[in-house]
Amino acid sequence: MKLFGKKRAQDGVRSRQNRTANGGEQDKATHRVTLDLSRAKELAAMLASSRASRFVEITDLLAGLYLYEWDRLSAYWPEENREDVEEMMRDICRISPQRWNYWIQLYDTRRKESEPKPRWKRLGKRIDGNAESPAPIPSARLENVFRIAEKVSPFRDPRPRPEKGGPNANALPVLTSECVLLCIAKFMSTDAGKKLHQSGLNIELLERAVIDPKRSPLR
């Protein structure tokens, strides 16, 4: 069953990334992410929050990638296997088609709420009796995925951090969805990683996409 439409955002590096993978400040960042991966991470955090978890797990990020990027990432599986792979992904991520619709609608609502509002709409003071819960942070295993991806990614953001100076000083690796998916499937000894590796995922094709300069997120 095909759940995903053709419309999707183009890859791009977030020009104003104020948070790192663990929610820290920009000067503590160890990598940057493409726009698509950023949105998948937002969905993953929402999934973690829905079960009141303090941590975003690898399966949450896989769910975010599946919900947001399946239309593109499905190309790394044989066409005849894709329906079975979708069932496997929904099983790994515990997502039914109904839950898929729910999360897409909720994500769209949250995204619209986060967009800058005209000044006249911000004049009123908001009264909220309950303090907002802290956002979940990546688990140790998910942090390890990002650390591996930082080493695997061939792309670097040339913008230096201010305190270092210099034209290429301390350039940060740029992570793509393909790079993260590759690291989960190939380098992580987890049930999700093993299932991905055994699902017919074309690791060689995915590796080529990760290092292909024509697909550079900086272009």
N, C-alpha and C. Protein backbone atom coordinates (compact mmCIF):
# COMPACT_ATOMS: atom_id res chain seq x y z
N MET A 1 0.84 -1.20 0.00
CA MET A 1 0.00 0.00 0.00
C MET A 1 0.87 1.23 0.00
N LYS A 2 0.58 2.13 -0.92
CA LYS A 2 1.39 3.34 -1.03
C LYS A 2 0.80 4.42 -0.15
N LEU A 3 1.57 4.88 0.82
CA LEU A 3 1.06 5.86 1.77
C LEU A 3 1.50 7.27 1.47
N PHE A 4 2.48 7.43 0.60
CA PHE A 4 3.13 8.71 0.48
C PHE A 4 2.90 9.34 -0.87
N GLY A 5 2.67 10.64 -0.89
CA GLY A 5 2.53 11.40 -2.12
C GLY A 5 3.89 11.78 -2.65
N LYS A 6 3.90 12.46 -3.79
CA LYS A 6 5.16 12.82 -4.43
C LYS A 6 5.74 14.13 -3.93
N LYS A 7 4.92 14.91 -3.25
CA LYS A 7 5.39 16.22 -2.84
C LYS A 7 6.35 16.08 -1.68
N ARG A 8 7.51 16.71 -1.77
CA ARG A 8 8.48 16.67 -0.69
C ARG A 8 9.38 17.88 -0.79
N ALA A 9 9.96 18.24 0.33
CA ALA A 9 10.87 19.39 0.33
C ALA A 9 12.19 18.99 -0.26
N GLN A 10 12.88 19.96 -0.86
CA GLN A 10 14.20 19.70 -1.41
C GLN A 10 15.22 19.69 -0.29
N ASP A 11 16.31 18.92 -0.55
CA ASP A 11 17.39 18.90 0.43
C ASP A 11 17.99 20.29 0.56
N GLY A 12 18.41 20.61 1.78
CA GLY A 12 19.09 21.88 1.98
C GLY A 12 19.61 21.96 3.38
N VAL A 13 20.66 22.65 3.59
CA VAL A 13 21.20 22.81 4.92
C VAL A 13 20.46 23.93 5.62
N ARG A 14 20.08 23.72 6.84
CA ARG A 14 19.40 24.77 7.58
C ARG A 14 20.37 25.91 7.81
N SER A 15 19.99 27.09 7.36
CA SER A 15 20.90 28.23 7.45
C SER A 15 20.97 28.80 8.85
N ARG A 16 19.94 28.52 9.64
CA ARG A 16 19.95 29.05 11.02
C ARG A 16 19.67 27.92 11.98
N GLN A 17 20.61 27.04 12.14
CA GLN A 17 20.41 25.93 13.05
C GLN A 17 20.87 26.33 14.44
N ASN A 18 19.90 26.50 15.32
CA ASN A 18 20.20 26.97 16.67
C ASN A 18 20.36 25.82 17.65
N ARG A 19 19.97 24.60 17.20
CA ARG A 19 20.07 23.47 18.09
C ARG A 19 20.93 22.40 17.46
N THR A 20 21.56 21.63 18.30
CA THR A 20 22.32 20.49 17.83
C THR A 20 21.46 19.26 17.97
N ALA A 21 22.06 18.10 17.70
CA ALA A 21 21.29 16.86 17.81
C ALA A 21 20.80 16.64 19.23
N ASN A 22 21.50 17.14 20.25
CA ASN A 22 21.07 16.94 21.62
C ASN A 22 20.46 18.20 22.22
N GLY A 23 20.05 19.15 21.38
CA GLY A 23 19.35 20.31 21.91
C GLY A 23 20.26 21.36 22.48
N GLY A 24 21.54 21.29 22.27
CA GLY A 24 22.47 22.27 22.82
C GLY A 24 22.51 23.53 21.99
N GLU A 25 23.38 24.46 22.39
CA GLU A 25 23.52 25.71 21.66
C GLU A 25 24.36 25.51 20.42
N GLN A 26 24.28 26.46 19.49
CA GLN A 26 24.95 26.33 18.21
C GLN A 26 26.45 26.17 18.36
N ASP A 27 27.06 26.84 19.36
CA ASP A 27 28.51 26.76 19.47
C ASP A 27 28.97 25.39 19.97
N LYS A 28 28.04 24.53 20.39
CA LYS A 28 28.39 23.19 20.81
C LYS A 28 28.07 22.17 19.71
N ALA A 29 27.61 22.63 18.58
CA ALA A 29 27.22 21.73 17.50
C ALA A 29 28.41 20.92 17.01
N THR A 30 28.16 19.65 16.71
CA THR A 30 29.20 18.79 16.12
C THR A 30 28.86 18.45 14.68
N HIS A 31 27.67 18.82 14.21
CA HIS A 31 27.29 18.60 12.82
C HIS A 31 26.13 19.50 12.46
N ARG A 32 25.83 19.56 11.19
CA ARG A 32 24.63 20.21 10.70
C ARG A 32 23.82 19.18 9.94
N VAL A 33 22.54 19.46 9.73
CA VAL A 33 21.67 18.50 9.06
C VAL A 33 20.95 19.18 7.90
N THR A 34 20.54 18.36 6.92
CA THR A 34 19.74 18.89 5.82
C THR A 34 18.33 19.18 6.32
N LEU A 35 17.59 19.93 5.53
CA LEU A 35 16.23 20.29 5.90
C LEU A 35 15.36 19.05 6.06
N ASP A 36 15.49 18.09 5.15
CA ASP A 36 14.69 16.87 5.24
C ASP A 36 14.99 16.09 6.51
N LEU A 37 16.26 15.94 6.83
CA LEU A 37 16.62 15.21 8.05
C LEU A 37 16.15 15.97 9.28
N SER A 38 16.22 17.29 9.24
CA SER A 38 15.75 18.10 10.36
C SER A 38 14.27 17.84 10.62
N ARG A 39 13.48 17.76 9.57
CA ARG A 39 12.04 17.53 9.74
C ARG A 39 11.76 16.12 10.22
N ALA A 40 12.54 15.16 9.75
CA ALA A 40 12.40 13.80 10.25
C ALA A 40 12.72 13.74 11.74
N LYS A 41 13.73 14.49 12.17
CA LYS A 41 14.08 14.54 13.59
C LYS A 41 12.98 15.18 14.42
N GLU A 42 12.33 16.20 13.86
CA GLU A 42 11.22 16.83 14.58
C GLU A 42 10.08 15.84 14.78
N LEU A 43 9.77 15.06 13.74
CA LEU A 43 8.75 14.03 13.88
C LEU A 43 9.16 12.99 14.92
N ALA A 44 10.43 12.61 14.91
CA ALA A 44 10.93 11.63 15.88
C ALA A 44 10.76 12.14 17.31
N ALA A 45 11.06 13.41 17.52
CA ALA A 45 10.90 14.00 18.86
C ALA A 45 9.43 14.02 19.29
N MET A 46 8.54 14.30 18.34
CA MET A 46 7.12 14.27 18.65
C MET A 46 6.66 12.87 19.04
N LEU A 47 7.16 11.86 18.34
CA LEU A 47 6.81 10.48 18.67
C LEU A 47 7.29 10.13 20.07
N ALA A 48 8.52 10.55 20.40
CA ALA A 48 9.04 10.27 21.74
C ALA A 48 8.21 10.99 22.80
N SER A 49 7.83 12.23 22.53
CA SER A 49 7.03 13.00 23.48
C SER A 49 5.67 12.36 23.69
N SER A 50 5.12 11.74 22.65
CA SER A 50 3.78 11.16 22.75
C SER A 50 3.71 10.02 23.76
N ARG A 51 4.85 9.38 24.00
CA ARG A 51 4.86 8.31 25.00
C ARG A 51 5.57 8.77 26.28
N ALA A 52 5.71 10.10 26.41
CA ALA A 52 6.29 10.70 27.62
C ALA A 52 7.71 10.21 27.89
N SER A 53 8.45 9.98 26.83
CA SER A 53 9.83 9.53 26.98
C SER A 53 10.78 10.72 27.03
N ARG A 54 11.82 10.59 27.81
CA ARG A 54 12.84 11.63 27.88
C ARG A 54 13.81 11.54 26.72
N PHE A 55 13.77 10.40 26.00
CA PHE A 55 14.78 10.17 24.98
C PHE A 55 14.16 9.82 23.63
N VAL A 56 14.80 10.30 22.59
CA VAL A 56 14.45 9.93 21.22
C VAL A 56 15.31 8.72 20.86
N GLU A 57 14.65 7.62 20.49
CA GLU A 57 15.36 6.39 20.19
C GLU A 57 15.61 6.25 18.68
N ILE A 58 16.44 5.28 18.32
CA ILE A 58 16.71 5.01 16.91
C ILE A 58 15.41 4.70 16.17
N THR A 59 14.52 3.94 16.79
CA THR A 59 13.25 3.61 16.13
C THR A 59 12.40 4.85 15.90
N ASP A 60 12.50 5.84 16.78
CA ASP A 60 11.77 7.10 16.57
C ASP A 60 12.28 7.81 15.32
N LEU A 61 13.62 7.85 15.18
CA LEU A 61 14.18 8.51 14.01
C LEU A 61 13.84 7.74 12.74
N LEU A 62 13.88 6.41 12.79
CA LEU A 62 13.46 5.61 11.64
C LEU A 62 12.02 5.93 11.27
N ALA A 63 11.17 6.08 12.29
CA ALA A 63 9.78 6.43 12.03
C ALA A 63 9.68 7.79 11.36
N GLY A 64 10.49 8.75 11.83
CA GLY A 64 10.49 10.07 11.22
C GLY A 64 10.93 10.02 9.77
N LEU A 65 11.97 9.23 9.49
CA LEU A 65 12.45 9.07 8.12
C LEU A 65 11.39 8.39 7.26
N TYR A 66 10.73 7.40 7.83
CA TYR A 66 9.70 6.67 7.09
C TYR A 66 8.50 7.57 6.80
N LEU A 67 8.05 8.29 7.80
CA LEU A 67 6.88 9.17 7.63
C LEU A 67 7.16 10.30 6.65
N TYR A 68 8.33 10.87 6.74
CA TYR A 68 8.62 12.07 5.95
C TYR A 68 9.31 11.78 4.63
N GLU A 69 10.11 10.71 4.54
CA GLU A 69 10.98 10.55 3.39
C GLU A 69 10.83 9.24 2.62
N TRP A 70 9.81 8.45 2.92
CA TRP A 70 9.71 7.15 2.27
C TRP A 70 9.65 7.26 0.76
N ASP A 71 9.01 8.27 0.25
CA ASP A 71 8.86 8.43 -1.20
C ASP A 71 10.22 8.44 -1.90
N ARG A 72 11.24 8.95 -1.22
CA ARG A 72 12.58 9.00 -1.80
C ARG A 72 13.45 7.84 -1.34
N LEU A 73 13.41 7.53 -0.05
CA LEU A 73 14.28 6.49 0.48
C LEU A 73 13.88 5.10 0.01
N SER A 74 12.64 4.91 -0.41
CA SER A 74 12.19 3.60 -0.88
C SER A 74 12.98 3.14 -2.10
N ALA A 75 13.62 4.08 -2.81
CA ALA A 75 14.40 3.72 -4.01
C ALA A 75 15.58 2.83 -3.68
N TYR A 76 15.95 2.71 -2.42
CA TYR A 76 17.10 1.88 -2.05
C TYR A 76 16.70 0.43 -1.74
N TRP A 77 15.42 0.10 -1.96
CA TRP A 77 14.96 -1.28 -1.87
C TRP A 77 14.46 -1.73 -3.24
N PRO A 78 14.55 -3.00 -3.58
CA PRO A 78 13.97 -3.48 -4.83
C PRO A 78 12.47 -3.18 -4.87
N GLU A 79 11.99 -2.78 -6.02
CA GLU A 79 10.59 -2.36 -6.13
C GLU A 79 9.62 -3.44 -5.67
N GLU A 80 9.95 -4.70 -6.01
CA GLU A 80 9.03 -5.79 -5.66
C GLU A 80 9.00 -6.05 -4.15
N ASN A 81 9.96 -5.51 -3.41
CA ASN A 81 10.02 -5.73 -1.96
C ASN A 81 9.39 -4.59 -1.16
N ARG A 82 9.02 -3.50 -1.79
CA ARG A 82 8.72 -2.28 -1.04
C ARG A 82 7.49 -2.38 -0.15
N GLU A 83 6.46 -3.08 -0.59
CA GLU A 83 5.28 -3.23 0.28
C GLU A 83 5.64 -4.01 1.53
N ASP A 84 6.43 -5.07 1.36
CA ASP A 84 6.87 -5.84 2.53
C ASP A 84 7.76 -4.99 3.43
N VAL A 85 8.59 -4.17 2.82
CA VAL A 85 9.47 -3.31 3.62
C VAL A 85 8.64 -2.28 4.39
N GLU A 86 7.59 -1.75 3.76
CA GLU A 86 6.73 -0.81 4.48
C GLU A 86 6.10 -1.46 5.70
N GLU A 87 5.64 -2.70 5.53
CA GLU A 87 5.07 -3.42 6.67
C GLU A 87 6.12 -3.60 7.77
N MET A 88 7.35 -3.95 7.35
CA MET A 88 8.43 -4.11 8.31
C MET A 88 8.72 -2.80 9.03
N MET A 89 8.75 -1.69 8.28
CA MET A 89 9.04 -0.39 8.89
C MET A 89 7.94 0.00 9.88
N ARG A 90 6.70 -0.24 9.50
CA ARG A 90 5.60 0.09 10.42
C ARG A 90 5.68 -0.78 11.67
N ASP A 91 6.13 -2.02 11.50
CA ASP A 91 6.27 -2.92 12.65
C ASP A 91 7.40 -2.45 13.56
N ILE A 92 8.56 -2.11 12.95
CA ILE A 92 9.70 -1.61 13.74
C ILE A 92 9.31 -0.35 14.51
N CYS A 93 8.61 0.55 13.81
CA CYS A 93 8.30 1.86 14.38
C CYS A 93 6.96 1.90 15.09
N ARG A 94 6.24 0.76 15.06
CA ARG A 94 4.93 0.67 15.71
C ARG A 94 3.96 1.72 15.17
N ILE A 95 3.86 1.81 13.85
CA ILE A 95 3.00 2.81 13.20
C ILE A 95 2.04 2.11 12.25
N SER A 96 0.75 2.28 12.50
CA SER A 96 -0.29 1.78 11.60
C SER A 96 -0.60 2.87 10.57
N PRO A 97 -1.30 2.53 9.47
CA PRO A 97 -1.69 3.58 8.52
C PRO A 97 -2.49 4.70 9.17
N GLN A 98 -3.34 4.34 10.14
CA GLN A 98 -4.13 5.37 10.83
C GLN A 98 -3.23 6.30 11.64
N ARG A 99 -2.24 5.70 12.31
CA ARG A 99 -1.31 6.52 13.07
C ARG A 99 -0.47 7.38 12.13
N TRP A 100 -0.15 6.86 10.96
CA TRP A 100 0.59 7.65 9.98
C TRP A 100 -0.17 8.93 9.66
N ASN A 101 -1.46 8.81 9.35
CA ASN A 101 -2.27 9.99 9.04
C ASN A 101 -2.30 10.96 10.22
N TYR A 102 -2.43 10.39 11.42
CA TYR A 102 -2.48 11.23 12.62
C TYR A 102 -1.20 12.04 12.78
N TRP A 103 -0.04 11.39 12.63
CA TRP A 103 1.23 12.08 12.85
C TRP A 103 1.50 13.12 11.78
N ILE A 104 1.14 12.82 10.53
CA ILE A 104 1.35 13.79 9.47
C ILE A 104 0.50 15.04 9.72
N GLN A 105 -0.75 14.85 10.13
CA GLN A 105 -1.61 15.99 10.40
C GLN A 105 -1.12 16.79 11.61
N LEU A 106 -0.70 16.07 12.65
CA LEU A 106 -0.20 16.76 13.84
C LEU A 106 1.08 17.52 13.53
N TYR A 107 1.98 16.90 12.77
CA TYR A 107 3.22 17.58 12.41
C TYR A 107 2.93 18.84 11.61
N ASP A 108 2.00 18.77 10.67
CA ASP A 108 1.66 19.94 9.86
C ASP A 108 1.10 21.05 10.73
N THR A 109 0.28 20.69 11.71
CA THR A 109 -0.28 21.68 12.63
C THR A 109 0.82 22.33 13.46
N ARG A 110 1.73 21.51 14.02
CA ARG A 110 2.83 22.04 14.83
C ARG A 110 3.73 22.94 14.00
N ARG A 111 3.98 22.54 12.76
CA ARG A 111 4.86 23.34 11.90
C ARG A 111 4.25 24.72 11.65
N LYS A 112 2.93 24.75 11.40
CA LYS A 112 2.27 26.04 11.15
C LYS A 112 2.27 26.90 12.40
N GLU A 113 2.12 26.26 13.56
CA GLU A 113 2.13 27.02 14.82
C GLU A 113 3.49 27.62 15.11
N SER A 114 4.55 26.97 14.62
CA SER A 114 5.91 27.45 14.90
C SER A 114 6.37 28.54 13.94
N GLU A 115 5.60 28.77 12.88
CA GLU A 115 5.99 29.81 11.93
C GLU A 115 5.83 31.19 12.56
N PRO A 116 6.71 32.16 12.21
CA PRO A 116 6.62 33.50 12.78
C PRO A 116 5.25 34.12 12.51
N LYS A 117 4.69 34.75 13.54
CA LYS A 117 3.39 35.38 13.41
C LYS A 117 3.55 36.89 13.29
N PRO A 118 2.60 37.55 12.62
CA PRO A 118 2.64 39.02 12.54
C PRO A 118 2.65 39.62 13.94
N ARG A 119 3.26 40.80 14.05
CA ARG A 119 3.43 41.42 15.37
C ARG A 119 2.11 41.61 16.08
N TRP A 120 1.04 41.96 15.34
CA TRP A 120 -0.23 42.22 16.01
C TRP A 120 -0.82 40.96 16.64
N LYS A 121 -0.40 39.78 16.15
CA LYS A 121 -0.89 38.54 16.74
C LYS A 121 -0.10 38.15 17.98
N ARG A 122 1.03 38.83 18.20
CA ARG A 122 1.87 38.50 19.35
C ARG A 122 1.73 39.50 20.48
N LEU A 123 0.80 40.48 20.34
CA LEU A 123 0.67 41.52 21.35
C LEU A 123 0.04 40.99 22.63
N GLY A 124 -0.90 40.08 22.48
CA GLY A 124 -1.56 39.54 23.66
C GLY A 124 -0.63 38.64 24.44
N LYS A 125 -0.70 38.68 25.76
CA LYS A 125 0.16 37.86 26.60
C LYS A 125 -0.48 36.50 26.80
N ARG A 126 0.27 35.46 26.53
CA ARG A 126 -0.26 34.12 26.66
C ARG A 126 -0.21 33.69 28.12
N ILE A 127 -1.32 33.11 28.57
CA ILE A 127 -1.38 32.60 29.94
C ILE A 127 -1.48 31.08 29.85
N ASP A 128 -0.52 30.42 30.41
CA ASP A 128 -0.49 28.97 30.35
C ASP A 128 -0.21 28.45 31.74
N GLY A 129 -1.15 27.71 32.27
CA GLY A 129 -1.00 27.24 33.64
C GLY A 129 0.07 26.18 33.81
N ASN A 130 0.35 25.46 32.76
CA ASN A 130 1.32 24.37 32.86
C ASN A 130 2.60 24.71 32.11
N ALA A 131 3.72 24.53 32.75
CA ALA A 131 5.00 24.77 32.07
C ALA A 131 5.19 23.70 31.00
N GLU A 132 5.77 24.10 29.89
CA GLU A 132 5.99 23.16 28.80
C GLU A 132 7.04 22.13 29.20
N SER A 133 6.75 20.88 28.88
CA SER A 133 7.68 19.81 29.21
C SER A 133 8.95 19.94 28.38
N PRO A 134 10.10 19.60 28.96
CA PRO A 134 11.34 19.69 28.18
C PRO A 134 11.31 18.73 27.01
N ALA A 135 11.89 19.13 25.90
CA ALA A 135 11.91 18.30 24.71
C ALA A 135 12.79 17.08 24.95
N PRO A 136 12.40 15.92 24.45
CA PRO A 136 13.26 14.73 24.61
C PRO A 136 14.56 14.90 23.86
N ILE A 137 15.60 14.27 24.37
CA ILE A 137 16.92 14.36 23.75
C ILE A 137 17.31 12.99 23.18
N PRO A 138 18.25 12.95 22.23
CA PRO A 138 18.65 11.66 21.67
C PRO A 138 19.20 10.72 22.73
N SER A 139 18.84 9.44 22.61
CA SER A 139 19.39 8.43 23.51
C SER A 139 20.88 8.22 23.19
N ALA A 140 21.55 7.47 24.05
CA ALA A 140 22.98 7.21 23.84
C ALA A 140 23.21 6.50 22.51
N ARG A 141 22.33 5.57 22.17
CA ARG A 141 22.49 4.84 20.90
C ARG A 141 22.27 5.76 19.70
N LEU A 142 21.29 6.64 19.80
CA LEU A 142 21.05 7.56 18.69
C LEU A 142 22.19 8.56 18.57
N GLU A 143 22.73 9.01 19.69
CA GLU A 143 23.90 9.88 19.65
C GLU A 143 25.06 9.18 18.95
N ASN A 144 25.18 7.87 19.19
CA ASN A 144 26.25 7.11 18.55
C ASN A 144 26.05 7.05 17.04
N VAL A 145 24.79 6.95 16.59
CA VAL A 145 24.48 6.99 15.16
C VAL A 145 24.99 8.30 14.57
N PHE A 146 24.71 9.41 15.23
CA PHE A 146 25.14 10.72 14.73
C PHE A 146 26.67 10.83 14.70
N ARG A 147 27.33 10.28 15.74
CA ARG A 147 28.79 10.34 15.77
C ARG A 147 29.40 9.55 14.60
N ILE A 148 28.83 8.39 14.32
CA ILE A 148 29.31 7.60 13.19
C ILE A 148 29.04 8.33 11.89
N ALA A 149 27.85 8.91 11.77
CA ALA A 149 27.48 9.63 10.54
C ALA A 149 28.39 10.82 10.31
N GLU A 150 28.84 11.46 11.38
CA GLU A 150 29.78 12.59 11.24
C GLU A 150 31.07 12.14 10.58
N LYS A 151 31.50 10.91 10.86
CA LYS A 151 32.73 10.39 10.27
C LYS A 151 32.49 9.90 8.84
N VAL A 152 31.29 9.40 8.56
CA VAL A 152 30.99 8.85 7.25
C VAL A 152 30.72 9.95 6.22
N SER A 153 30.03 11.00 6.62
CA SER A 153 29.64 12.04 5.67
C SER A 153 30.86 12.73 5.07
N PRO A 154 30.90 12.85 3.74
CA PRO A 154 32.03 13.53 3.10
C PRO A 154 31.84 15.04 3.00
N PHE A 155 30.66 15.51 3.38
CA PHE A 155 30.34 16.92 3.17
C PHE A 155 30.60 17.74 4.43
N ARG A 156 31.12 18.94 4.23
CA ARG A 156 31.43 19.83 5.34
C ARG A 156 30.84 21.19 5.07
N ASP A 157 30.23 21.76 6.11
CA ASP A 157 29.74 23.13 6.02
C ASP A 157 30.95 24.05 6.14
N PRO A 158 31.25 24.84 5.13
CA PRO A 158 32.48 25.66 5.16
C PRO A 158 32.41 26.82 6.13
N ARG A 159 31.21 27.12 6.66
CA ARG A 159 31.13 28.26 7.57
C ARG A 159 31.80 27.93 8.89
N PRO A 160 32.82 28.70 9.30
CA PRO A 160 33.49 28.42 10.57
C PRO A 160 32.68 28.93 11.74
N ARG A 161 32.91 28.34 12.89
CA ARG A 161 32.33 28.89 14.11
C ARG A 161 33.13 30.14 14.48
N PRO A 162 32.44 31.19 14.94
CA PRO A 162 33.09 32.50 15.12
C PRO A 162 34.35 32.49 15.97
N GLU A 163 34.34 31.65 17.02
CA GLU A 163 35.47 31.73 17.94
C GLU A 163 36.74 31.14 17.35
N LYS A 164 36.61 30.37 16.27
CA LYS A 164 37.79 29.74 15.69
C LYS A 164 38.41 30.59 14.58
N GLY A 165 37.57 31.21 13.73
CA GLY A 165 38.07 32.06 12.66
C GLY A 165 38.69 31.25 11.53
N GLY A 166 39.04 31.97 10.46
CA GLY A 166 39.65 31.30 9.32
C GLY A 166 38.62 30.82 8.34
N PRO A 167 38.96 30.71 7.05
CA PRO A 167 37.98 30.37 6.03
C PRO A 167 37.41 28.97 6.15
N ASN A 168 38.20 27.99 6.63
CA ASN A 168 37.70 26.62 6.75
C ASN A 168 37.89 26.06 8.16
N ALA A 169 38.04 26.95 9.11
CA ALA A 169 38.32 26.51 10.47
C ALA A 169 37.11 25.77 11.05
N ASN A 170 37.39 24.58 11.56
CA ASN A 170 36.38 23.82 12.30
C ASN A 170 35.10 23.62 11.52
N ALA A 171 35.19 23.39 10.21
CA ALA A 171 33.99 23.13 9.40
C ALA A 171 33.28 21.88 9.92
N LEU A 172 31.97 21.94 9.97
CA LEU A 172 31.19 20.85 10.55
C LEU A 172 30.67 19.90 9.47
N PRO A 173 30.62 18.59 9.77
CA PRO A 173 30.05 17.65 8.81
C PRO A 173 28.56 17.90 8.64
N VAL A 174 28.07 17.66 7.42
CA VAL A 174 26.65 17.83 7.12
C VAL A 174 26.04 16.44 6.95
N LEU A 175 25.01 16.14 7.73
CA LEU A 175 24.37 14.83 7.70
C LEU A 175 23.12 14.86 6.84
N THR A 176 22.97 13.84 6.01
CA THR A 176 21.78 13.67 5.19
C THR A 176 20.98 12.47 5.71
N SER A 177 19.75 12.34 5.24
CA SER A 177 18.92 11.20 5.63
C SER A 177 19.55 9.89 5.18
N GLU A 178 20.12 9.88 3.96
CA GLU A 178 20.77 8.68 3.45
C GLU A 178 21.94 8.27 4.34
N CYS A 179 22.71 9.24 4.78
CA CYS A 179 23.87 8.95 5.61
C CYS A 179 23.44 8.32 6.94
N VAL A 180 22.41 8.87 7.55
CA VAL A 180 21.93 8.35 8.83
C VAL A 180 21.34 6.95 8.65
N LEU A 181 20.55 6.75 7.59
CA LEU A 181 19.97 5.43 7.32
C LEU A 181 21.07 4.39 7.12
N LEU A 182 22.11 4.75 6.38
CA LEU A 182 23.23 3.85 6.15
C LEU A 182 23.89 3.46 7.47
N CYS A 183 24.11 4.43 8.34
CA CYS A 183 24.79 4.16 9.61
C CYS A 183 23.95 3.26 10.51
N ILE A 184 22.63 3.45 10.51
CA ILE A 184 21.76 2.59 11.33
C ILE A 184 21.80 1.15 10.81
N ALA A 185 21.74 1.00 9.47
CA ALA A 185 21.67 -0.34 8.87
C ALA A 185 23.00 -1.07 8.90
N LYS A 186 24.10 -0.33 8.71
CA LYS A 186 25.40 -0.99 8.51
C LYS A 186 26.25 -1.05 9.76
N PHE A 187 26.14 -0.06 10.64
CA PHE A 187 27.10 0.04 11.73
C PHE A 187 26.51 -0.14 13.12
N MET A 188 25.16 -0.26 13.24
CA MET A 188 24.55 -0.38 14.56
C MET A 188 24.09 -1.80 14.83
N SER A 189 24.54 -2.38 15.93
CA SER A 189 24.14 -3.74 16.32
C SER A 189 22.86 -3.68 17.14
N THR A 190 21.78 -3.28 16.48
CA THR A 190 20.47 -3.21 17.11
C THR A 190 19.49 -4.05 16.29
N ASP A 191 18.36 -4.41 16.90
CA ASP A 191 17.35 -5.18 16.17
C ASP A 191 16.89 -4.42 14.94
N ALA A 192 16.68 -3.10 15.07
CA ALA A 192 16.23 -2.31 13.93
C ALA A 192 17.28 -2.31 12.82
N GLY A 193 18.54 -2.15 13.20
CA GLY A 193 19.61 -2.15 12.21
C GLY A 193 19.72 -3.49 11.50
N LYS A 194 19.59 -4.58 12.25
CA LYS A 194 19.68 -5.91 11.65
C LYS A 194 18.52 -6.16 10.69
N LYS A 195 17.33 -5.73 11.07
CA LYS A 195 16.17 -5.92 10.20
C LYS A 195 16.31 -5.11 8.92
N LEU A 196 16.82 -3.90 9.04
CA LEU A 196 17.04 -3.10 7.84
C LEU A 196 18.04 -3.78 6.91
N HIS A 197 19.11 -4.27 7.50
CA HIS A 197 20.16 -4.90 6.70
C HIS A 197 19.65 -6.16 6.01
N GLN A 198 18.72 -6.87 6.67
CA GLN A 198 18.21 -8.12 6.13
C GLN A 198 16.98 -7.92 5.23
N SER A 199 16.53 -6.69 5.07
CA SER A 199 15.28 -6.43 4.37
C SER A 199 15.43 -6.29 2.86
N GLY A 200 16.66 -6.43 2.36
CA GLY A 200 16.90 -6.21 0.95
C GLY A 200 17.39 -4.82 0.64
N LEU A 201 17.66 -4.03 1.69
CA LEU A 201 18.20 -2.69 1.49
C LEU A 201 19.51 -2.78 0.70
N ASN A 202 19.59 -2.00 -0.37
CA ASN A 202 20.78 -2.02 -1.23
C ASN A 202 21.85 -1.12 -0.61
N ILE A 203 22.67 -1.73 0.23
CA ILE A 203 23.69 -0.98 0.96
C ILE A 203 24.67 -0.31 0.00
N GLU A 204 25.07 -1.03 -1.05
CA GLU A 204 26.04 -0.47 -1.99
C GLU A 204 25.48 0.78 -2.69
N LEU A 205 24.21 0.72 -3.11
CA LEU A 205 23.57 1.88 -3.75
C LEU A 205 23.46 3.04 -2.77
N LEU A 206 23.12 2.72 -1.53
CA LEU A 206 22.99 3.75 -0.51
C LEU A 206 24.34 4.39 -0.22
N GLU A 207 25.39 3.60 -0.15
CA GLU A 207 26.73 4.15 0.07
C GLU A 207 27.13 5.10 -1.04
N ARG A 208 26.82 4.73 -2.28
CA ARG A 208 27.16 5.60 -3.41
C ARG A 208 26.41 6.92 -3.32
N ALA A 209 25.15 6.86 -2.90
CA ALA A 209 24.37 8.09 -2.76
C ALA A 209 24.94 8.98 -1.66
N VAL A 210 25.44 8.37 -0.59
CA VAL A 210 25.99 9.14 0.53
C VAL A 210 27.22 9.93 0.11
N ILE A 211 28.06 9.34 -0.74
CA ILE A 211 29.32 10.01 -1.09
C ILE A 211 29.27 10.70 -2.45
N ASP A 212 28.14 10.63 -3.14
CA ASP A 212 28.03 11.21 -4.49
C ASP A 212 28.09 12.74 -4.42
N PRO A 213 29.12 13.37 -5.01
CA PRO A 213 29.21 14.84 -4.95
C PRO A 213 28.06 15.53 -5.67
N LYS A 214 27.41 14.82 -6.63
CA LYS A 214 26.28 15.43 -7.33
C LYS A 214 25.08 15.62 -6.41
N ARG A 215 25.06 14.84 -5.34
CA ARG A 215 23.96 14.93 -4.38
C ARG A 215 24.34 15.75 -3.14
N SER A 216 25.43 16.47 -3.23
CA SER A 216 25.89 17.25 -2.09
C SER A 216 24.79 18.21 -1.61
N PRO A 217 24.50 18.20 -0.30
CA PRO A 217 23.48 19.11 0.24
C PRO A 217 23.93 20.57 0.22
N LEU A 218 25.19 20.81 -0.12
CA LEU A 218 25.70 22.18 -0.15
C LEU A 218 25.60 22.82 -1.54
N ARG A 219 25.17 22.03 -2.51
CA ARG A 219 25.09 22.53 -3.87
C ARG A 219 23.84 23.37 -4.06
